[in-house]
Amino acid sequence: MDILNKILPEAKKFFLDARGSHNFDHTERVLKLCLHIGKKEKADLEILKIAAALHDIGRKFEDKSKGKICHAEKGADIARKILKKYNFPSLKIEKVVHCIEAHRFRNSITPKTLEAKVLFDSDKLDSIGAIGIGRAFFFANEVGANLHENKSKTEILKTKPYTKDDTAYREFIVKLRHIKNKMLTREGRHLAKERHKFMVEFFERLGEEVEGVK
């Protein structure tokens, strides 16, 4: 039996009460992107599939702690225990663990392997474009943020996450607009270009509509 078929049910357990912005649908989309980019980049698909399936299992701990717990670190620790339970080879376990530890945007751990770079790109691609916009509004609603505020970039950068100021537009200014230039693989950069363009145009239009210009 393919180990992924054993891992997926294990991973799903961590999303039973997940928020919409980071539910198991996100994991499934990242898995699809990993397979697409991994094939293009000639990465180890076995490592990638498992890492993608487990990459966000620590997310609920970060959400409950309001950002005090790093979901990448927590998820890597849990993933190691799960894989040991299934007698997955230790060298492969460490490869998967590195992918998970290094996938977070706001992180000090740099993706070193090709597989870690593919997971990083796949996870980030799911936070931009049309799907990224939807997820940003999902998250804003989850933390009780406003729909939109036309503050300057300087003002937005002074606001705090997990507050009413943590709007989808704030996420765009603080994180999402920078993702295109953070891609680590050739295919990731290719896919990010189109998604970034769509996202920029959307937030520009949103601001105009809020101001009554359009």
N, C-alpha and C. Protein backbone atom coordinates (compact mmCIF):
# COMPACT_ATOMS: atom_id res chain seq x y z
N MET A 1 0.85 -1.22 0.00
CA MET A 1 0.00 0.00 0.00
C MET A 1 0.87 1.25 0.00
N ASP A 2 0.57 2.17 -0.90
CA ASP A 2 1.32 3.42 -1.00
C ASP A 2 1.24 4.16 0.33
N ILE A 3 2.40 4.61 0.84
CA ILE A 3 2.40 5.28 2.15
C ILE A 3 1.53 6.53 2.14
N LEU A 4 1.37 7.17 0.99
CA LEU A 4 0.53 8.37 0.93
C LEU A 4 -0.91 8.04 1.33
N ASN A 5 -1.39 6.85 0.94
CA ASN A 5 -2.75 6.44 1.29
C ASN A 5 -2.91 6.24 2.79
N LYS A 6 -1.79 5.99 3.48
CA LYS A 6 -1.83 5.87 4.93
C LYS A 6 -1.71 7.25 5.59
N ILE A 7 -0.91 8.11 4.97
CA ILE A 7 -0.64 9.43 5.52
C ILE A 7 -1.82 10.38 5.41
N LEU A 8 -2.53 10.35 4.29
CA LEU A 8 -3.65 11.28 4.07
C LEU A 8 -4.71 11.21 5.17
N PRO A 9 -5.17 10.01 5.57
CA PRO A 9 -6.14 9.96 6.67
C PRO A 9 -5.57 10.50 7.98
N GLU A 10 -4.27 10.29 8.20
CA GLU A 10 -3.61 10.82 9.40
C GLU A 10 -3.63 12.34 9.36
N ALA A 11 -3.32 12.89 8.19
CA ALA A 11 -3.27 14.34 8.04
C ALA A 11 -4.65 14.98 8.23
N LYS A 12 -5.67 14.34 7.69
CA LYS A 12 -7.03 14.89 7.76
C LYS A 12 -7.52 15.08 9.19
N LYS A 13 -7.02 14.26 10.10
CA LYS A 13 -7.43 14.35 11.50
C LYS A 13 -7.12 15.72 12.10
N PHE A 14 -6.10 16.38 11.58
CA PHE A 14 -5.68 17.68 12.11
C PHE A 14 -6.51 18.83 11.55
N PHE A 15 -7.47 18.51 10.67
CA PHE A 15 -8.28 19.57 10.03
C PHE A 15 -9.77 19.43 10.31
N LEU A 16 -10.13 18.61 11.28
CA LEU A 16 -11.55 18.37 11.57
C LEU A 16 -12.28 19.64 11.98
N ASP A 17 -11.58 20.53 12.69
CA ASP A 17 -12.19 21.81 13.09
C ASP A 17 -11.41 22.99 12.51
N ALA A 18 -10.82 22.76 11.33
CA ALA A 18 -9.97 23.79 10.71
C ALA A 18 -10.77 24.97 10.18
N ARG A 19 -10.15 26.13 10.17
CA ARG A 19 -10.75 27.31 9.58
C ARG A 19 -10.72 27.18 8.06
N GLY A 20 -11.65 27.86 7.40
CA GLY A 20 -11.76 27.75 5.95
C GLY A 20 -10.52 28.16 5.18
N SER A 21 -9.77 29.11 5.71
CA SER A 21 -8.58 29.60 4.98
C SER A 21 -7.45 28.58 4.97
N HIS A 22 -7.46 27.67 5.94
CA HIS A 22 -6.40 26.67 6.01
C HIS A 22 -6.98 25.28 6.28
N ASN A 23 -8.05 24.94 5.58
CA ASN A 23 -8.61 23.61 5.76
C ASN A 23 -7.92 22.59 4.86
N PHE A 24 -8.44 21.38 4.82
CA PHE A 24 -7.75 20.33 4.05
C PHE A 24 -7.83 20.56 2.54
N ASP A 25 -8.78 21.39 2.10
CA ASP A 25 -8.84 21.74 0.68
C ASP A 25 -7.53 22.40 0.23
N HIS A 26 -6.99 23.24 1.11
CA HIS A 26 -5.71 23.90 0.81
C HIS A 26 -4.62 22.85 0.64
N THR A 27 -4.58 21.88 1.53
CA THR A 27 -3.58 20.81 1.44
C THR A 27 -3.70 20.07 0.11
N GLU A 28 -4.91 19.77 -0.29
CA GLU A 28 -5.11 19.03 -1.55
C GLU A 28 -4.68 19.85 -2.76
N ARG A 29 -4.91 21.16 -2.72
CA ARG A 29 -4.46 22.01 -3.83
C ARG A 29 -2.94 22.09 -3.88
N VAL A 30 -2.33 22.20 -2.71
CA VAL A 30 -0.86 22.25 -2.66
C VAL A 30 -0.26 20.94 -3.16
N LEU A 31 -0.90 19.83 -2.83
CA LEU A 31 -0.44 18.53 -3.31
C LEU A 31 -0.47 18.48 -4.83
N LYS A 32 -1.55 18.98 -5.43
CA LYS A 32 -1.65 18.99 -6.90
C LYS A 32 -0.56 19.87 -7.52
N LEU A 33 -0.33 21.04 -6.91
CA LEU A 33 0.71 21.94 -7.42
C LEU A 33 2.09 21.31 -7.28
N CYS A 34 2.31 20.61 -6.16
CA CYS A 34 3.60 19.94 -5.94
C CYS A 34 3.87 18.90 -7.04
N LEU A 35 2.85 18.15 -7.38
CA LEU A 35 3.01 17.13 -8.42
C LEU A 35 3.26 17.78 -9.78
N HIS A 36 2.55 18.87 -10.05
CA HIS A 36 2.75 19.57 -11.33
C HIS A 36 4.16 20.15 -11.43
N ILE A 37 4.54 20.92 -10.42
CA ILE A 37 5.86 21.56 -10.44
C ILE A 37 6.97 20.51 -10.27
N GLY A 38 6.73 19.52 -9.39
CA GLY A 38 7.73 18.48 -9.15
C GLY A 38 8.11 17.72 -10.39
N LYS A 39 7.11 17.42 -11.23
CA LYS A 39 7.38 16.71 -12.48
C LYS A 39 8.19 17.58 -13.43
N LYS A 40 7.84 18.87 -13.49
CA LYS A 40 8.57 19.80 -14.36
C LYS A 40 10.02 19.95 -13.92
N GLU A 41 10.23 19.98 -12.60
CA GLU A 41 11.56 20.23 -12.04
C GLU A 41 12.36 18.95 -11.78
N LYS A 42 11.68 17.78 -12.02
CA LYS A 42 12.31 16.47 -11.80
C LYS A 42 12.70 16.25 -10.33
N ALA A 43 11.77 16.56 -9.45
CA ALA A 43 11.97 16.37 -8.01
C ALA A 43 11.56 14.95 -7.61
N ASP A 44 11.87 14.59 -6.37
CA ASP A 44 11.49 13.29 -5.82
C ASP A 44 10.01 13.38 -5.42
N LEU A 45 9.15 12.76 -6.20
CA LEU A 45 7.71 12.90 -5.99
C LEU A 45 7.22 12.19 -4.73
N GLU A 46 7.92 11.14 -4.31
CA GLU A 46 7.51 10.45 -3.09
C GLU A 46 7.66 11.38 -1.88
N ILE A 47 8.82 12.02 -1.79
CA ILE A 47 9.07 12.96 -0.69
C ILE A 47 8.09 14.12 -0.76
N LEU A 48 7.87 14.62 -1.96
CA LEU A 48 6.98 15.77 -2.17
C LEU A 48 5.54 15.47 -1.76
N LYS A 49 5.03 14.32 -2.17
CA LYS A 49 3.64 13.96 -1.86
C LYS A 49 3.41 13.90 -0.35
N ILE A 50 4.34 13.28 0.35
CA ILE A 50 4.19 13.13 1.80
C ILE A 50 4.34 14.49 2.49
N ALA A 51 5.32 15.28 2.06
CA ALA A 51 5.54 16.60 2.65
C ALA A 51 4.34 17.50 2.42
N ALA A 52 3.76 17.45 1.22
CA ALA A 52 2.59 18.27 0.91
C ALA A 52 1.40 17.86 1.77
N ALA A 53 1.21 16.55 1.93
CA ALA A 53 0.09 16.05 2.73
C ALA A 53 0.18 16.49 4.18
N LEU A 54 1.40 16.61 4.69
CA LEU A 54 1.61 16.90 6.11
C LEU A 54 2.03 18.34 6.41
N HIS A 55 2.21 19.16 5.39
CA HIS A 55 2.86 20.46 5.61
C HIS A 55 2.13 21.41 6.55
N ASP A 56 0.81 21.29 6.65
CA ASP A 56 0.04 22.22 7.48
C ASP A 56 -0.62 21.57 8.70
N ILE A 57 -0.16 20.39 9.10
CA ILE A 57 -0.81 19.72 10.23
C ILE A 57 -0.59 20.45 11.55
N GLY A 58 0.33 21.40 11.58
CA GLY A 58 0.56 22.19 12.79
C GLY A 58 -0.21 23.50 12.79
N ARG A 59 -1.00 23.72 11.75
CA ARG A 59 -1.66 25.02 11.58
C ARG A 59 -2.63 25.36 12.71
N LYS A 60 -3.41 24.38 13.17
CA LYS A 60 -4.41 24.70 14.20
C LYS A 60 -3.76 25.17 15.50
N PHE A 61 -2.52 24.72 15.74
CA PHE A 61 -1.81 25.14 16.95
C PHE A 61 -1.39 26.60 16.84
N GLU A 62 -1.00 27.01 15.63
CA GLU A 62 -0.63 28.42 15.41
C GLU A 62 -1.86 29.31 15.51
N ASP A 63 -2.97 28.87 14.92
CA ASP A 63 -4.20 29.67 14.96
C ASP A 63 -4.70 29.86 16.39
N LYS A 64 -4.71 28.77 17.16
CA LYS A 64 -5.20 28.85 18.54
C LYS A 64 -4.30 29.72 19.42
N SER A 65 -3.01 29.75 19.09
CA SER A 65 -2.07 30.57 19.87
C SER A 65 -1.97 31.98 19.33
N LYS A 66 -2.75 32.29 18.26
CA LYS A 66 -2.72 33.60 17.59
C LYS A 66 -1.31 33.97 17.12
N GLY A 67 -0.66 32.99 16.55
CA GLY A 67 0.65 33.23 15.94
C GLY A 67 1.86 32.99 16.82
N LYS A 68 1.64 32.64 18.08
CA LYS A 68 2.79 32.43 18.98
C LYS A 68 3.52 31.12 18.69
N ILE A 69 2.78 30.13 18.20
CA ILE A 69 3.39 28.85 17.83
C ILE A 69 3.60 28.83 16.32
N CYS A 70 4.78 28.45 15.87
CA CYS A 70 5.07 28.36 14.43
C CYS A 70 4.52 27.03 13.91
N HIS A 71 3.58 27.10 12.98
CA HIS A 71 2.96 25.86 12.49
C HIS A 71 3.94 24.99 11.71
N ALA A 72 4.95 25.60 11.11
CA ALA A 72 5.94 24.82 10.35
C ALA A 72 6.79 23.96 11.29
N GLU A 73 7.23 24.54 12.39
CA GLU A 73 8.03 23.80 13.37
C GLU A 73 7.20 22.72 14.05
N LYS A 74 6.00 23.10 14.46
CA LYS A 74 5.10 22.16 15.13
C LYS A 74 4.73 21.01 14.20
N GLY A 75 4.41 21.35 12.97
CA GLY A 75 4.03 20.34 11.99
C GLY A 75 5.17 19.38 11.67
N ALA A 76 6.39 19.91 11.62
CA ALA A 76 7.56 19.06 11.34
C ALA A 76 7.75 18.03 12.46
N ASP A 77 7.57 18.46 13.69
CA ASP A 77 7.71 17.55 14.84
C ASP A 77 6.66 16.44 14.79
N ILE A 78 5.43 16.81 14.50
CA ILE A 78 4.34 15.83 14.43
C ILE A 78 4.56 14.88 13.26
N ALA A 79 4.99 15.42 12.12
CA ALA A 79 5.22 14.61 10.92
C ALA A 79 6.29 13.54 11.18
N ARG A 80 7.34 13.93 11.89
CA ARG A 80 8.41 12.97 12.20
C ARG A 80 7.85 11.77 12.98
N LYS A 81 7.00 12.05 13.94
CA LYS A 81 6.41 10.98 14.76
C LYS A 81 5.49 10.09 13.94
N ILE A 82 4.71 10.70 13.06
CA ILE A 82 3.80 9.93 12.21
C ILE A 82 4.58 8.99 11.29
N LEU A 83 5.60 9.52 10.65
CA LEU A 83 6.37 8.73 9.69
C LEU A 83 7.16 7.61 10.37
N LYS A 84 7.64 7.87 11.58
CA LYS A 84 8.34 6.82 12.33
C LYS A 84 7.39 5.68 12.64
N LYS A 85 6.15 6.01 12.91
CA LYS A 85 5.13 5.00 13.23
C LYS A 85 4.94 4.03 12.07
N TYR A 86 5.12 4.53 10.85
CA TYR A 86 4.96 3.70 9.66
C TYR A 86 6.30 3.16 9.15
N ASN A 87 7.34 3.28 9.99
CA ASN A 87 8.67 2.75 9.65
C ASN A 87 9.22 3.30 8.33
N PHE A 88 8.90 4.56 8.07
CA PHE A 88 9.46 5.22 6.89
C PHE A 88 10.95 5.40 7.13
N PRO A 89 11.80 5.20 6.11
CA PRO A 89 13.26 5.32 6.29
C PRO A 89 13.67 6.67 6.89
N SER A 90 14.61 6.60 7.89
CA SER A 90 15.01 7.84 8.60
C SER A 90 15.52 8.94 7.68
N LEU A 91 16.31 8.61 6.66
CA LEU A 91 16.84 9.64 5.76
C LEU A 91 15.70 10.34 5.03
N LYS A 92 14.70 9.56 4.61
CA LYS A 92 13.56 10.15 3.91
C LYS A 92 12.70 10.99 4.87
N ILE A 93 12.61 10.53 6.11
CA ILE A 93 11.86 11.30 7.11
C ILE A 93 12.45 12.69 7.26
N GLU A 94 13.78 12.75 7.35
CA GLU A 94 14.44 14.05 7.52
C GLU A 94 14.26 14.94 6.29
N LYS A 95 14.17 14.35 5.13
CA LYS A 95 13.93 15.13 3.91
C LYS A 95 12.52 15.73 3.94
N VAL A 96 11.55 14.93 4.38
CA VAL A 96 10.18 15.42 4.50
C VAL A 96 10.10 16.51 5.56
N VAL A 97 10.75 16.27 6.70
CA VAL A 97 10.74 17.22 7.82
C VAL A 97 11.33 18.57 7.38
N HIS A 98 12.42 18.52 6.62
CA HIS A 98 13.01 19.78 6.15
C HIS A 98 12.04 20.54 5.26
N CYS A 99 11.35 19.83 4.38
CA CYS A 99 10.37 20.48 3.50
C CYS A 99 9.32 21.23 4.32
N ILE A 100 8.83 20.56 5.37
CA ILE A 100 7.78 21.16 6.20
C ILE A 100 8.33 22.34 7.00
N GLU A 101 9.50 22.17 7.59
CA GLU A 101 10.12 23.25 8.38
C GLU A 101 10.35 24.50 7.55
N ALA A 102 10.69 24.31 6.27
CA ALA A 102 11.12 25.44 5.43
C ALA A 102 10.02 26.01 4.54
N HIS A 103 8.77 25.52 4.67
CA HIS A 103 7.74 25.95 3.71
C HIS A 103 7.10 27.28 4.07
N ARG A 104 7.28 27.76 5.29
CA ARG A 104 6.59 28.98 5.73
C ARG A 104 7.21 30.24 5.15
N PHE A 105 6.37 31.19 4.75
CA PHE A 105 6.84 32.46 4.18
C PHE A 105 7.60 33.27 5.22
N ARG A 106 6.97 33.43 6.41
CA ARG A 106 7.60 34.19 7.49
C ARG A 106 8.45 33.23 8.31
N ASN A 107 9.61 32.90 7.82
CA ASN A 107 10.42 31.86 8.45
C ASN A 107 11.90 32.16 8.26
N SER A 108 12.72 31.66 9.18
CA SER A 108 14.16 31.88 9.08
C SER A 108 14.86 30.68 8.44
N ILE A 109 14.11 29.61 8.19
CA ILE A 109 14.70 28.40 7.59
C ILE A 109 14.56 28.45 6.08
N THR A 110 15.69 28.38 5.39
CA THR A 110 15.71 28.46 3.93
C THR A 110 15.56 27.07 3.31
N PRO A 111 14.67 26.91 2.33
CA PRO A 111 14.55 25.62 1.64
C PRO A 111 15.85 25.29 0.92
N LYS A 112 16.44 24.16 1.27
CA LYS A 112 17.74 23.80 0.70
C LYS A 112 17.63 22.74 -0.40
N THR A 113 16.67 21.84 -0.29
CA THR A 113 16.53 20.78 -1.28
C THR A 113 15.54 21.20 -2.37
N LEU A 114 15.61 20.50 -3.49
CA LEU A 114 14.67 20.78 -4.59
C LEU A 114 13.24 20.55 -4.13
N GLU A 115 13.03 19.49 -3.36
CA GLU A 115 11.69 19.17 -2.89
C GLU A 115 11.15 20.26 -1.95
N ALA A 116 12.01 20.79 -1.09
CA ALA A 116 11.61 21.86 -0.18
C ALA A 116 11.26 23.12 -0.97
N LYS A 117 12.00 23.38 -2.04
CA LYS A 117 11.72 24.55 -2.88
C LYS A 117 10.39 24.39 -3.61
N VAL A 118 10.11 23.18 -4.08
CA VAL A 118 8.84 22.93 -4.78
C VAL A 118 7.66 23.10 -3.82
N LEU A 119 7.79 22.56 -2.60
CA LEU A 119 6.71 22.72 -1.62
C LEU A 119 6.52 24.19 -1.26
N PHE A 120 7.60 24.90 -1.07
CA PHE A 120 7.53 26.33 -0.75
C PHE A 120 6.75 27.05 -1.85
N ASP A 121 7.12 26.83 -3.10
CA ASP A 121 6.46 27.51 -4.22
C ASP A 121 4.99 27.12 -4.31
N SER A 122 4.70 25.84 -4.15
CA SER A 122 3.32 25.37 -4.26
C SER A 122 2.44 25.98 -3.18
N ASP A 123 2.95 26.02 -1.96
CA ASP A 123 2.19 26.60 -0.85
C ASP A 123 1.95 28.08 -1.08
N LYS A 124 2.96 28.78 -1.58
CA LYS A 124 2.82 30.22 -1.80
C LYS A 124 1.89 30.53 -2.97
N LEU A 125 1.93 29.68 -4.01
CA LEU A 125 1.05 29.90 -5.16
C LEU A 125 -0.41 29.82 -4.75
N ASP A 126 -0.72 29.01 -3.75
CA ASP A 126 -2.10 28.88 -3.31
C ASP A 126 -2.55 30.07 -2.46
N SER A 127 -1.64 31.00 -2.23
CA SER A 127 -2.01 32.20 -1.46
C SER A 127 -2.10 33.44 -2.34
N ILE A 128 -1.91 33.27 -3.65
CA ILE A 128 -2.06 34.40 -4.57
C ILE A 128 -3.02 34.02 -5.69
N GLY A 129 -3.28 34.97 -6.58
CA GLY A 129 -4.23 34.70 -7.65
C GLY A 129 -5.65 34.70 -7.11
N ALA A 130 -6.58 34.13 -7.87
CA ALA A 130 -7.99 34.10 -7.49
C ALA A 130 -8.20 33.34 -6.18
N ILE A 131 -7.58 32.18 -6.07
CA ILE A 131 -7.74 31.37 -4.85
C ILE A 131 -7.13 32.09 -3.66
N GLY A 132 -6.03 32.77 -3.87
CA GLY A 132 -5.37 33.50 -2.78
C GLY A 132 -6.23 34.64 -2.26
N ILE A 133 -6.91 35.33 -3.17
CA ILE A 133 -7.81 36.41 -2.77
C ILE A 133 -8.93 35.85 -1.90
N GLY A 134 -9.52 34.74 -2.35
CA GLY A 134 -10.59 34.12 -1.57
C GLY A 134 -10.12 33.71 -0.18
N ARG A 135 -8.94 33.14 -0.10
CA ARG A 135 -8.40 32.70 1.19
C ARG A 135 -8.09 33.90 2.09
N ALA A 136 -7.63 34.99 1.51
CA ALA A 136 -7.31 36.18 2.30
C ALA A 136 -8.57 36.74 2.96
N PHE A 137 -9.68 36.74 2.23
CA PHE A 137 -10.94 37.22 2.81
C PHE A 137 -11.50 36.23 3.82
N PHE A 138 -11.30 34.95 3.56
CA PHE A 138 -11.68 33.92 4.52
C PHE A 138 -10.99 34.19 5.86
N PHE A 139 -9.67 34.39 5.80
CA PHE A 139 -8.88 34.58 7.02
C PHE A 139 -9.30 35.87 7.74
N ALA A 140 -9.51 36.94 6.97
CA ALA A 140 -9.92 38.21 7.57
C ALA A 140 -11.22 38.05 8.34
N ASN A 141 -12.14 37.29 7.78
CA ASN A 141 -13.41 37.05 8.46
C ASN A 141 -13.21 36.23 9.73
N GLU A 142 -12.30 35.26 9.66
CA GLU A 142 -12.03 34.38 10.80
C GLU A 142 -11.49 35.13 12.01
N VAL A 143 -10.74 36.21 11.77
CA VAL A 143 -10.16 36.98 12.88
C VAL A 143 -10.98 38.24 13.19
N GLY A 144 -12.13 38.38 12.51
CA GLY A 144 -13.01 39.52 12.78
C GLY A 144 -12.55 40.83 12.20
N ALA A 145 -11.80 40.77 11.11
CA ALA A 145 -11.28 41.99 10.48
C ALA A 145 -12.34 42.67 9.61
N ASN A 146 -12.10 43.92 9.29
CA ASN A 146 -12.98 44.67 8.41
C ASN A 146 -12.87 44.14 6.99
N LEU A 147 -13.87 44.50 6.15
CA LEU A 147 -13.83 44.07 4.75
C LEU A 147 -12.66 44.71 4.03
N HIS A 148 -12.49 46.02 4.21
CA HIS A 148 -11.41 46.72 3.51
C HIS A 148 -11.20 48.09 4.13
N GLU A 149 -9.96 48.54 4.13
CA GLU A 149 -9.65 49.91 4.57
C GLU A 149 -8.59 50.47 3.65
N ASN A 150 -8.88 51.65 3.09
CA ASN A 150 -7.93 52.27 2.18
C ASN A 150 -6.89 53.08 2.94
N LYS A 151 -6.11 52.41 3.74
CA LYS A 151 -5.03 53.08 4.46
C LYS A 151 -3.79 53.09 3.58
N SER A 152 -2.86 53.96 3.90
CA SER A 152 -1.61 53.99 3.15
C SER A 152 -0.79 52.77 3.52
N LYS A 153 0.20 52.43 2.70
CA LYS A 153 1.05 51.28 2.98
C LYS A 153 1.78 51.46 4.30
N THR A 154 2.20 52.70 4.58
CA THR A 154 2.91 52.99 5.84
C THR A 154 2.01 52.72 7.04
N GLU A 155 0.75 53.14 6.94
CA GLU A 155 -0.21 52.92 8.03
C GLU A 155 -0.49 51.43 8.21
N ILE A 156 -0.65 50.72 7.10
CA ILE A 156 -0.96 49.29 7.16
C ILE A 156 0.17 48.51 7.80
N LEU A 157 1.40 48.87 7.50
CA LEU A 157 2.55 48.16 8.05
C LEU A 157 2.69 48.34 9.56
N LYS A 158 1.97 49.29 10.10
CA LYS A 158 2.00 49.52 11.56
C LYS A 158 0.90 48.75 12.28
N THR A 159 -0.03 48.19 11.52
CA THR A 159 -1.13 47.45 12.13
C THR A 159 -0.68 46.05 12.53
N LYS A 160 -1.52 45.39 13.34
CA LYS A 160 -1.15 44.07 13.88
C LYS A 160 -2.02 42.96 13.32
N PRO A 161 -1.44 41.75 13.19
CA PRO A 161 -2.23 40.61 12.73
C PRO A 161 -3.22 40.15 13.80
N TYR A 162 -4.20 39.38 13.38
CA TYR A 162 -5.23 38.84 14.27
C TYR A 162 -6.02 39.94 14.99
N THR A 163 -6.20 41.09 14.30
CA THR A 163 -7.01 42.19 14.82
C THR A 163 -7.99 42.61 13.73
N LYS A 164 -8.85 43.62 14.03
CA LYS A 164 -9.81 44.10 13.03
C LYS A 164 -9.10 44.74 11.83
N ASP A 165 -7.82 45.08 12.02
CA ASP A 165 -7.05 45.68 10.93
C ASP A 165 -6.45 44.64 9.98
N ASP A 166 -6.58 43.36 10.35
CA ASP A 166 -5.96 42.29 9.56
C ASP A 166 -6.83 41.93 8.36
N THR A 167 -7.04 42.90 7.50
CA THR A 167 -7.90 42.73 6.32
C THR A 167 -7.18 41.95 5.23
N ALA A 168 -7.95 41.57 4.20
CA ALA A 168 -7.35 40.90 3.04
C ALA A 168 -6.35 41.84 2.37
N TYR A 169 -6.67 43.12 2.35
CA TYR A 169 -5.77 44.10 1.73
C TYR A 169 -4.48 44.21 2.53
N ARG A 170 -4.58 44.13 3.86
CA ARG A 170 -3.37 44.15 4.70
C ARG A 170 -2.48 42.95 4.35
N GLU A 171 -3.10 41.79 4.17
CA GLU A 171 -2.34 40.59 3.82
C GLU A 171 -1.66 40.78 2.46
N PHE A 172 -2.35 41.45 1.55
CA PHE A 172 -1.76 41.73 0.24
C PHE A 172 -0.55 42.64 0.37
N ILE A 173 -0.67 43.69 1.16
CA ILE A 173 0.42 44.65 1.33
C ILE A 173 1.60 44.02 2.08
N VAL A 174 1.30 43.33 3.16
CA VAL A 174 2.36 42.77 4.01
C VAL A 174 3.04 41.56 3.38
N LYS A 175 2.27 40.71 2.72
CA LYS A 175 2.82 39.44 2.24
C LYS A 175 2.60 39.15 0.75
N LEU A 176 1.35 39.14 0.32
CA LEU A 176 1.01 38.57 -0.98
C LEU A 176 1.66 39.24 -2.18
N ARG A 177 1.84 40.55 -2.12
CA ARG A 177 2.44 41.25 -3.27
C ARG A 177 3.92 40.93 -3.44
N HIS A 178 4.54 40.35 -2.42
CA HIS A 178 5.96 40.02 -2.49
C HIS A 178 6.23 38.60 -2.97
N ILE A 179 5.19 37.78 -2.99
CA ILE A 179 5.38 36.36 -3.26
C ILE A 179 5.95 36.06 -4.64
N LYS A 180 5.51 36.79 -5.65
CA LYS A 180 5.99 36.55 -7.02
C LYS A 180 7.51 36.54 -7.10
N ASN A 181 8.14 37.42 -6.34
CA ASN A 181 9.60 37.53 -6.39
C ASN A 181 10.31 36.59 -5.42
N LYS A 182 9.54 35.76 -4.72
CA LYS A 182 10.13 34.82 -3.77
C LYS A 182 10.17 33.40 -4.31
N MET A 183 9.61 33.19 -5.49
CA MET A 183 9.55 31.84 -6.05
C MET A 183 10.95 31.26 -6.25
N LEU A 184 11.09 29.96 -6.02
CA LEU A 184 12.40 29.32 -6.03
C LEU A 184 12.62 28.37 -7.21
N THR A 185 11.56 28.09 -7.96
CA THR A 185 11.69 27.19 -9.11
C THR A 185 11.25 27.91 -10.39
N ARG A 186 11.70 27.41 -11.51
CA ARG A 186 11.35 28.04 -12.78
C ARG A 186 9.85 27.97 -13.04
N GLU A 187 9.25 26.80 -12.80
CA GLU A 187 7.81 26.65 -13.03
C GLU A 187 7.01 27.48 -12.02
N GLY A 188 7.51 27.57 -10.81
CA GLY A 188 6.85 28.39 -9.80
C GLY A 188 6.80 29.84 -10.23
N ARG A 189 7.91 30.34 -10.75
CA ARG A 189 7.96 31.73 -11.22
C ARG A 189 6.99 31.95 -12.39
N HIS A 190 6.90 30.96 -13.25
CA HIS A 190 6.01 31.05 -14.41
C HIS A 190 4.55 31.16 -13.97
N LEU A 191 4.14 30.29 -13.05
CA LEU A 191 2.76 30.28 -12.57
C LEU A 191 2.44 31.53 -11.74
N ALA A 192 3.42 32.00 -10.98
CA ALA A 192 3.20 33.16 -10.10
C ALA A 192 2.96 34.44 -10.89
N LYS A 193 3.56 34.56 -12.05
CA LYS A 193 3.46 35.79 -12.83
C LYS A 193 2.00 36.12 -13.16
N GLU A 194 1.26 35.14 -13.66
CA GLU A 194 -0.14 35.35 -14.04
C GLU A 194 -1.02 35.58 -12.80
N ARG A 195 -0.79 34.78 -11.75
CA ARG A 195 -1.60 34.92 -10.54
C ARG A 195 -1.38 36.29 -9.89
N HIS A 196 -0.14 36.75 -9.90
CA HIS A 196 0.18 38.05 -9.31
C HIS A 196 -0.54 39.18 -10.05
N LYS A 197 -0.52 39.14 -11.35
CA LYS A 197 -1.16 40.17 -12.17
C LYS A 197 -2.65 40.26 -11.85
N PHE A 198 -3.31 39.12 -11.79
CA PHE A 198 -4.74 39.09 -11.50
C PHE A 198 -5.02 39.68 -10.12
N MET A 199 -4.20 39.33 -9.15
CA MET A 199 -4.39 39.78 -7.77
C MET A 199 -4.20 41.28 -7.63
N VAL A 200 -3.18 41.82 -8.26
CA VAL A 200 -2.91 43.26 -8.20
C VAL A 200 -4.09 44.03 -8.78
N GLU A 201 -4.58 43.58 -9.93
CA GLU A 201 -5.71 44.25 -10.57
C GLU A 201 -6.95 44.20 -9.69
N PHE A 202 -7.16 43.09 -9.00
CA PHE A 202 -8.33 42.96 -8.13
C PHE A 202 -8.27 43.96 -6.98
N PHE A 203 -7.15 44.05 -6.29
CA PHE A 203 -7.07 44.95 -5.14
C PHE A 203 -7.10 46.42 -5.55
N GLU A 204 -6.58 46.72 -6.74
CA GLU A 204 -6.69 48.09 -7.24
C GLU A 204 -8.16 48.44 -7.48
N ARG A 205 -8.88 47.51 -8.10
CA ARG A 205 -10.31 47.72 -8.38
C ARG A 205 -11.09 47.82 -7.07
N LEU A 206 -10.79 46.98 -6.09
CA LEU A 206 -11.49 47.00 -4.83
C LEU A 206 -11.35 48.37 -4.16
N GLY A 207 -10.13 48.89 -4.17
CA GLY A 207 -9.89 50.21 -3.57
C GLY A 207 -10.69 51.30 -4.26
N GLU A 208 -10.79 51.21 -5.58
CA GLU A 208 -11.55 52.21 -6.35
C GLU A 208 -13.03 52.14 -6.03
N GLU A 209 -13.54 50.90 -5.89
CA GLU A 209 -14.96 50.75 -5.59
C GLU A 209 -15.30 51.24 -4.18
N VAL A 210 -14.40 51.00 -3.24
CA VAL A 210 -14.61 51.48 -1.87
C VAL A 210 -14.67 53.00 -1.83
N GLU A 211 -13.85 53.64 -2.66
CA GLU A 211 -13.81 55.10 -2.72
C GLU A 211 -14.90 55.68 -3.62
N GLY A 212 -15.67 54.79 -4.28
CA GLY A 212 -16.75 55.27 -5.16
C GLY A 212 -16.25 55.78 -6.49
N VAL A 213 -15.02 55.43 -6.84
CA VAL A 213 -14.45 55.90 -8.12
C VAL A 213 -14.99 55.06 -9.28
N LYS A 214 -15.20 53.79 -9.04
CA LYS A 214 -15.68 52.88 -10.10
C LYS A 214 -17.01 52.26 -9.69
